[in-house]
């Protein structure tokens, strides 16, 4: 069996929907396929790219453009990138899809009420108290994917099972591409 090529996998969903937990389960499963993998965790990268974040629209636009560009460069050099980022606007994810030919969008689905219960970072609490005015799902709309390659319902699936579903799509989607490469003798 041919190995899949490097690709980008964007895990998108409400804050506290389960993206980070799935990313942690997905990485080793992809590495078992002999893929080099990097996880772009938005909170960690935001601390570098926007050290004093305001979460303004202009800042978010810049942040997600930079994230997509960095991911595209890594994929072009053979590294599979897992984007663990809400990216509340479809335009952010569509921009990344336009830059990265081998792109998989994963809708991490979770009801808002459950995401609020799971929220160990306090994102929703800050939004409810008025300490933040840009929380996706509360003050800012979250634009769910219309046609993601994968949908995972975190009320029904364990993270390892969700990751396995993503890996199956990676293998299926990119196996044909890797079998039709020119061979040199």
Protein backbone atom coordinates (compact mmCIF):
# COMPACT_ATOMS: atom_id res chain seq x y z
CA UNK A 1 0.00 0.00 0.00
CA UNK A 2 1.29 3.44 -0.88
CA UNK A 3 1.70 5.96 1.88
CA UNK A 4 -0.37 9.15 1.89
CA UNK A 5 1.31 12.42 1.04
CA UNK A 6 1.65 15.35 3.42
CA UNK A 7 -1.58 17.29 3.81
CA UNK A 8 -3.30 19.86 5.97
CA UNK A 9 -6.06 18.87 8.36
CA UNK A 10 -8.08 21.73 9.84
CA UNK A 11 -10.00 20.81 12.98
CA UNK A 12 -12.66 23.48 13.34
CA UNK A 13 -15.43 23.82 15.88
CA UNK A 14 -16.60 25.91 18.77
CA UNK A 15 -14.12 26.61 21.56
CA UNK A 16 -13.99 23.57 23.89
CA UNK A 17 -15.65 21.32 21.31
CA UNK A 18 -12.80 18.78 21.47
CA UNK A 19 -10.37 19.97 18.79
CA UNK A 20 -7.23 19.78 20.95
CA UNK A 21 -8.12 16.35 22.31
CA UNK A 22 -8.66 15.04 18.79
CA UNK A 23 -5.42 16.66 17.58
CA UNK A 24 -3.52 14.89 20.38
CA UNK A 25 -5.04 11.55 19.33
CA UNK A 26 -4.58 12.23 15.61
CA UNK A 27 -0.88 13.04 15.61
CA UNK A 28 0.41 9.58 16.65
CA UNK A 29 -2.02 7.86 14.27
CA UNK A 30 -0.66 9.91 11.36
CA UNK A 31 2.91 9.28 12.48
CA UNK A 32 2.18 5.54 12.27
CA UNK A 33 1.65 6.16 8.54
CA UNK A 34 5.25 7.47 8.43
CA UNK A 35 4.07 11.07 8.05
CA UNK A 36 5.99 13.92 9.63
CA UNK A 37 3.38 15.89 11.61
CA UNK A 38 3.19 19.36 13.12
CA UNK A 39 0.26 20.59 15.21
CA UNK A 40 -0.62 24.28 14.91
CA UNK A 41 -2.42 24.95 18.18
CA UNK A 42 -3.95 28.41 17.77
CA UNK A 43 -3.58 29.52 21.40
CA UNK A 44 0.16 28.74 21.39
CA UNK A 45 0.76 30.39 18.02
CA UNK A 46 -1.34 33.42 18.94
CA UNK A 47 1.03 34.08 21.86
CA UNK A 48 3.85 34.39 19.31
CA UNK A 49 2.07 36.11 16.42
CA UNK A 50 -0.11 38.47 18.50
CA UNK A 51 1.41 38.55 22.01
CA UNK A 52 -1.24 40.96 23.31
CA UNK A 53 -4.27 39.75 21.38
CA UNK A 54 -7.30 41.96 20.95
CA UNK A 55 -9.21 39.41 18.85
CA UNK A 56 -10.32 42.26 16.59
CA UNK A 57 -11.52 41.37 13.11
CA UNK A 58 -8.39 42.80 11.50
CA UNK A 59 -6.15 40.89 13.91
CA UNK A 60 -8.05 37.63 13.34
CA UNK A 61 -7.83 38.08 9.57
CA UNK A 62 -4.06 38.56 9.82
CA UNK A 63 -3.62 35.69 12.28
CA UNK A 64 -5.49 33.14 10.16
CA UNK A 65 -3.77 34.29 6.96
CA UNK A 66 -0.39 33.81 8.67
CA UNK A 67 -1.46 30.41 10.02
CA UNK A 68 -2.57 29.26 6.56
CA UNK A 69 0.61 30.54 4.93
CA UNK A 70 2.87 28.79 7.46
CA UNK A 71 0.87 25.59 7.09
CA UNK A 72 1.09 25.74 3.29
CA UNK A 73 4.88 26.10 3.46
CA UNK A 74 5.21 23.09 5.75
CA UNK A 75 2.92 20.92 3.62
CA UNK A 76 4.92 21.93 0.52
CA UNK A 77 8.00 20.59 2.31
CA UNK A 78 6.43 17.26 3.22
CA UNK A 79 5.08 17.97 6.70
CA UNK A 80 1.47 17.18 7.51
CA UNK A 81 -0.09 20.03 9.48
CA UNK A 82 -2.96 19.66 11.92
CA UNK A 83 -4.62 23.03 12.49
CA UNK A 84 -6.21 23.02 15.95
CA UNK A 85 -8.02 26.33 15.51
CA UNK A 86 -11.61 27.50 15.75
CA UNK A 87 -11.32 29.75 12.67
CA UNK A 88 -14.87 30.94 13.23
CA UNK A 89 -15.28 32.28 9.67
CA UNK A 90 -15.49 29.97 6.68
CA UNK A 91 -13.36 32.48 4.78
CA UNK A 92 -10.37 31.67 7.01
CA UNK A 93 -10.59 27.96 6.23
CA UNK A 94 -11.38 28.58 2.56
CA UNK A 95 -8.26 30.75 2.29
CA UNK A 96 -6.17 27.88 3.68
CA UNK A 97 -7.85 25.42 1.29
CA UNK A 98 -6.92 27.73 -1.60
CA UNK A 99 -3.26 27.74 -0.54
CA UNK A 100 -2.98 24.03 0.26
CA UNK A 101 -4.00 21.57 -2.46
CA UNK A 102 -4.14 18.56 -0.08
CA UNK A 103 -6.58 19.94 2.49
CA UNK A 104 -9.08 18.22 4.76
CA UNK A 105 -11.62 20.16 6.80
CA UNK A 106 -12.90 18.40 9.91
CA UNK A 107 -16.08 19.69 11.54
CA UNK A 108 -15.75 19.01 15.26
CA UNK A 109 -19.39 19.14 16.30
CA UNK A 110 -20.53 19.80 19.84
CA UNK A 111 -23.59 21.66 21.15
CA UNK A 112 -22.79 25.09 22.58
CA UNK A 113 -24.14 24.15 26.03
CA UNK A 114 -21.81 21.15 26.30
CA UNK A 115 -18.84 23.15 25.00
CA UNK A 116 -19.55 25.72 27.72
CA UNK A 117 -19.55 22.95 30.36
CA UNK A 118 -16.26 21.56 29.05
CA UNK A 119 -14.55 24.96 28.88
CA UNK A 120 -11.59 24.61 31.23
CA UNK A 121 -9.94 27.78 29.81
CA UNK A 122 -12.84 30.01 30.88
CA UNK A 123 -13.43 31.42 27.39
CA UNK A 124 -17.21 31.36 27.63
CA UNK A 125 -17.21 32.64 31.20
CA UNK A 126 -15.15 35.67 30.11
CA UNK A 127 -17.63 36.26 27.30
CA UNK A 128 -20.64 35.98 29.60
CA UNK A 129 -19.07 38.37 32.15
CA UNK A 130 -18.30 40.89 29.40
CA UNK A 131 -14.53 40.52 29.78
CA UNK A 132 -14.40 39.43 26.15
CA UNK A 133 -16.66 40.61 23.35
CA UNK A 134 -15.57 38.25 20.58
CA UNK A 135 -16.25 34.70 21.81
CA UNK A 136 -17.41 32.48 18.93
CA UNK A 137 -20.83 31.07 19.69
CA UNK A 138 -21.72 33.89 22.10
CA UNK A 139 -20.89 37.35 20.71
CA UNK A 140 -19.40 36.32 17.38
CA UNK A 141 -21.08 33.81 15.09
CA UNK A 142 -19.34 30.53 14.39
CA UNK A 143 -19.70 29.58 10.72
CA UNK A 144 -19.74 25.78 10.63
CA UNK A 145 -18.32 24.09 7.54
CA UNK A 146 -20.84 23.49 4.77
CA UNK A 147 -19.12 20.50 3.16
CA UNK A 148 -16.32 19.23 5.39
CA UNK A 149 -14.49 16.09 4.38
CA UNK A 150 -15.12 14.71 7.88
CA UNK A 151 -17.73 15.37 10.57
CA UNK A 152 -17.10 14.15 14.10
CA UNK A 153 -19.69 14.45 16.84
CA UNK A 154 -17.82 14.67 20.12
CA UNK A 155 -20.97 13.74 22.03
CA UNK A 156 -20.85 10.34 20.28
CA UNK A 157 -17.19 9.59 19.54
CA UNK A 158 -14.09 9.24 21.67
CA UNK A 159 -11.14 11.32 20.47
CA UNK A 160 -9.27 8.20 19.31
CA UNK A 161 -12.26 7.12 17.21
CA UNK A 162 -12.64 10.62 15.76
CA UNK A 163 -8.92 10.61 14.91
CA UNK A 164 -9.28 7.18 13.28
CA UNK A 165 -12.11 8.53 11.10
CA UNK A 166 -9.86 11.39 9.97
CA UNK A 167 -6.96 9.01 9.22
CA UNK A 168 -9.25 6.87 7.05
CA UNK A 169 -10.17 9.94 5.01
CA UNK A 170 -6.50 10.91 4.68
CA UNK A 171 -5.63 7.43 3.41
CA UNK A 172 -8.56 7.29 1.01
CA UNK A 173 -8.35 10.85 -0.29
CA UNK A 174 -4.65 10.87 -1.06
CA UNK A 175 -3.88 7.24 -1.92
CA UNK A 176 -4.81 7.67 -5.59
CA UNK A 177 -2.63 10.75 -5.84
CA UNK A 178 0.41 8.86 -4.57
CA UNK A 179 -0.16 5.88 -6.89
CA UNK A 180 -0.18 8.05 -10.02
CA UNK A 181 3.21 9.66 -9.59
CA UNK A 182 5.69 9.31 -12.42
CA UNK A 183 8.28 6.65 -11.76
CA UNK A 184 11.88 7.20 -12.86
CA UNK A 185 14.21 4.32 -13.61
